[in-house]
């Protein structure tokens, strides 16, 4: 299980290993369970630009986060 505190600030790269941004927040689907599924990652890019990425295209290995597509 991965905790939010482990993900915040982690770099996210694309399939070409280019950094897209750092995880700033997540969006969950509240289905009334103890561990609700994550549906989006909110990335902070340079400046104030933000990017949302569906969790379905993300692979996470500890603090290594990459797009799988």
N, C-alpha and C. Protein backbone atom coordinates (compact mmCIF):
# COMPACT_ATOMS: atom_id res chain seq x y z
N UNK A 1 0.84 -1.16 0.00
CA UNK A 1 0.00 0.00 0.00
C UNK A 1 0.90 1.24 0.00
N UNK A 2 0.50 2.23 -0.78
CA UNK A 2 1.25 3.47 -0.88
C UNK A 2 0.46 4.56 -0.16
N UNK A 3 1.14 5.38 0.60
CA UNK A 3 0.51 6.45 1.34
C UNK A 3 0.75 7.79 0.64
N UNK A 4 -0.18 8.71 0.81
CA UNK A 4 -0.07 10.03 0.20
C UNK A 4 1.23 10.70 0.57
N UNK A 5 1.65 10.56 1.80
CA UNK A 5 2.89 11.20 2.24
C UNK A 5 4.11 10.70 1.46
N UNK A 6 4.02 9.48 0.92
CA UNK A 6 5.11 8.94 0.12
C UNK A 6 5.11 9.51 -1.30
N UNK A 7 3.94 9.90 -1.77
CA UNK A 7 3.82 10.38 -3.15
C UNK A 7 4.03 11.88 -3.30
N UNK A 8 3.63 12.66 -2.31
CA UNK A 8 3.71 14.11 -2.45
C UNK A 8 5.14 14.55 -2.75
N UNK A 9 5.29 15.33 -3.80
CA UNK A 9 6.60 15.83 -4.20
C UNK A 9 7.37 14.90 -5.11
N UNK A 10 6.87 13.69 -5.32
CA UNK A 10 7.57 12.74 -6.19
C UNK A 10 7.54 13.23 -7.64
N UNK A 11 8.63 13.06 -8.35
CA UNK A 11 8.69 13.42 -9.76
C UNK A 11 7.91 12.40 -10.59
N UNK A 12 7.23 12.89 -11.62
CA UNK A 12 6.51 12.03 -12.55
C UNK A 12 7.14 12.22 -13.92
N UNK A 13 7.51 11.11 -14.55
CA UNK A 13 8.12 11.19 -15.88
C UNK A 13 7.23 10.49 -16.89
N UNK A 14 7.43 10.85 -18.17
CA UNK A 14 6.66 10.20 -19.22
C UNK A 14 7.41 8.97 -19.72
N UNK A 15 6.89 8.33 -20.75
CA UNK A 15 7.50 7.10 -21.24
C UNK A 15 8.87 7.34 -21.90
N UNK A 16 9.17 8.61 -22.23
CA UNK A 16 10.48 8.95 -22.78
C UNK A 16 11.43 9.43 -21.68
N UNK A 17 11.03 9.25 -20.43
CA UNK A 17 11.82 9.62 -19.25
C UNK A 17 12.00 11.13 -19.10
N UNK A 18 11.07 11.90 -19.64
CA UNK A 18 11.07 13.35 -19.47
C UNK A 18 10.19 13.70 -18.27
N UNK A 19 10.68 14.56 -17.38
CA UNK A 19 9.92 14.91 -16.20
C UNK A 19 8.72 15.80 -16.58
N UNK A 20 7.54 15.41 -16.11
CA UNK A 20 6.32 16.17 -16.36
C UNK A 20 6.00 17.14 -15.23
N UNK A 21 6.40 16.80 -14.03
CA UNK A 21 6.11 17.62 -12.87
C UNK A 21 6.23 16.79 -11.60
N UNK A 22 5.82 17.39 -10.50
CA UNK A 22 5.85 16.71 -9.20
C UNK A 22 4.42 16.57 -8.68
N UNK A 23 4.17 15.47 -7.99
CA UNK A 23 2.83 15.24 -7.45
C UNK A 23 2.55 16.26 -6.35
N UNK A 24 1.45 16.99 -6.55
CA UNK A 24 1.04 18.00 -5.57
C UNK A 24 -0.17 17.54 -4.77
N UNK A 25 -1.02 16.71 -5.41
CA UNK A 25 -2.24 16.26 -4.74
C UNK A 25 -2.80 15.06 -5.49
N UNK A 26 -3.82 14.45 -4.94
CA UNK A 26 -4.51 13.36 -5.61
C UNK A 26 -6.01 13.62 -5.54
N UNK A 27 -6.75 12.96 -6.43
CA UNK A 27 -8.21 13.00 -6.40
C UNK A 27 -8.68 11.56 -6.24
N UNK A 28 -9.56 11.35 -5.27
CA UNK A 28 -10.06 10.00 -5.01
C UNK A 28 -11.52 9.89 -5.42
N UNK A 29 -11.99 8.65 -5.54
CA UNK A 29 -13.42 8.39 -5.76
C UNK A 29 -13.95 7.88 -4.42
N UNK A 30 -14.80 8.68 -3.81
CA UNK A 30 -15.34 8.33 -2.50
C UNK A 30 -16.46 7.32 -2.67
N UNK A 31 -16.14 6.06 -2.40
CA UNK A 31 -17.14 5.00 -2.52
C UNK A 31 -17.46 4.39 -1.15
N UNK A 32 -17.08 5.11 -0.12
CA UNK A 32 -17.42 4.66 1.22
C UNK A 32 -16.56 3.54 1.77
N UNK A 33 -15.37 3.34 1.19
CA UNK A 33 -14.48 2.30 1.68
C UNK A 33 -13.34 2.92 2.47
N UNK A 34 -12.65 2.09 3.22
CA UNK A 34 -11.53 2.55 4.03
C UNK A 34 -10.39 3.10 3.17
N UNK A 35 -10.14 2.47 2.03
CA UNK A 35 -9.07 2.89 1.12
C UNK A 35 -9.67 3.19 -0.25
N UNK A 36 -10.18 4.40 -0.45
CA UNK A 36 -10.82 4.74 -1.73
C UNK A 36 -9.80 4.78 -2.86
N UNK A 37 -10.23 4.42 -4.07
CA UNK A 37 -9.30 4.42 -5.20
C UNK A 37 -8.92 5.83 -5.64
N UNK A 38 -7.68 5.97 -6.06
CA UNK A 38 -7.19 7.23 -6.61
C UNK A 38 -7.58 7.26 -8.08
N UNK A 39 -8.15 8.39 -8.53
CA UNK A 39 -8.55 8.50 -9.93
C UNK A 39 -7.69 9.48 -10.72
N UNK A 40 -7.13 10.47 -10.06
CA UNK A 40 -6.28 11.45 -10.73
C UNK A 40 -5.09 11.83 -9.86
N UNK A 41 -3.98 12.12 -10.51
CA UNK A 41 -2.85 12.74 -9.83
C UNK A 41 -2.80 14.19 -10.30
N UNK A 42 -2.57 15.11 -9.38
CA UNK A 42 -2.43 16.52 -9.73
C UNK A 42 -0.94 16.84 -9.67
N UNK A 43 -0.38 17.23 -10.83
CA UNK A 43 1.04 17.53 -10.92
C UNK A 43 1.25 19.02 -10.98
N UNK A 44 2.29 19.49 -10.31
CA UNK A 44 2.68 20.89 -10.41
C UNK A 44 3.88 20.95 -11.33
N UNK A 45 3.74 21.77 -12.36
CA UNK A 45 4.84 21.98 -13.28
C UNK A 45 5.50 23.31 -12.93
N UNK A 46 6.39 23.77 -13.75
CA UNK A 46 7.08 25.03 -13.46
C UNK A 46 6.07 26.16 -13.29
N UNK A 47 6.35 27.03 -12.37
CA UNK A 47 5.44 28.13 -12.10
C UNK A 47 4.18 27.65 -11.44
N UNK A 48 3.04 28.15 -11.92
CA UNK A 48 1.75 27.78 -11.33
C UNK A 48 0.97 26.80 -12.19
N UNK A 49 1.58 26.30 -13.23
CA UNK A 49 0.90 25.38 -14.14
C UNK A 49 0.63 24.05 -13.44
N UNK A 50 -0.59 23.53 -13.62
CA UNK A 50 -0.95 22.24 -13.04
C UNK A 50 -1.46 21.33 -14.14
N UNK A 51 -1.25 20.05 -13.96
CA UNK A 51 -1.64 19.04 -14.93
C UNK A 51 -2.29 17.91 -14.16
N UNK A 52 -3.42 17.41 -14.65
CA UNK A 52 -4.03 16.24 -14.03
C UNK A 52 -3.79 15.04 -14.93
N UNK A 53 -3.48 13.93 -14.29
CA UNK A 53 -3.17 12.70 -15.00
C UNK A 53 -4.03 11.58 -14.43
N UNK A 54 -4.75 10.84 -15.29
CA UNK A 54 -5.55 9.72 -14.78
C UNK A 54 -4.64 8.66 -14.16
N UNK A 55 -5.04 8.14 -13.03
CA UNK A 55 -4.22 7.14 -12.35
C UNK A 55 -4.11 5.85 -13.16
N UNK A 56 -5.02 5.64 -14.10
CA UNK A 56 -5.00 4.41 -14.91
C UNK A 56 -3.79 4.35 -15.85
N UNK A 57 -3.11 5.47 -16.09
CA UNK A 57 -1.94 5.48 -16.98
C UNK A 57 -0.64 5.69 -16.21
N UNK A 58 -0.68 5.48 -14.90
CA UNK A 58 0.48 5.73 -14.04
C UNK A 58 0.97 4.42 -13.43
N UNK A 59 2.28 4.26 -13.41
CA UNK A 59 2.90 3.14 -12.70
C UNK A 59 3.74 3.71 -11.57
N UNK A 60 3.63 3.11 -10.39
CA UNK A 60 4.32 3.61 -9.21
C UNK A 60 5.17 2.51 -8.61
N UNK A 61 6.44 2.80 -8.41
CA UNK A 61 7.37 1.89 -7.73
C UNK A 61 8.03 2.69 -6.62
N UNK A 62 7.48 2.63 -5.42
CA UNK A 62 8.00 3.44 -4.32
C UNK A 62 7.79 4.91 -4.63
N UNK A 63 8.89 5.67 -4.73
CA UNK A 63 8.77 7.09 -5.09
C UNK A 63 9.02 7.32 -6.58
N UNK A 64 9.23 6.27 -7.36
CA UNK A 64 9.37 6.41 -8.81
C UNK A 64 8.00 6.32 -9.44
N UNK A 65 7.61 7.37 -10.15
CA UNK A 65 6.29 7.43 -10.77
C UNK A 65 6.48 7.75 -12.24
N UNK A 66 5.85 6.96 -13.11
CA UNK A 66 5.99 7.18 -14.55
C UNK A 66 4.66 6.89 -15.25
N UNK A 67 4.46 7.56 -16.38
CA UNK A 67 3.31 7.26 -17.22
C UNK A 67 3.60 5.96 -17.95
N UNK A 68 2.60 5.13 -18.05
CA UNK A 68 2.80 3.84 -18.70
C UNK A 68 2.41 3.90 -20.18
N UNK A 69 1.84 5.01 -20.59
CA UNK A 69 1.43 5.15 -22.00
C UNK A 69 2.01 6.40 -22.60
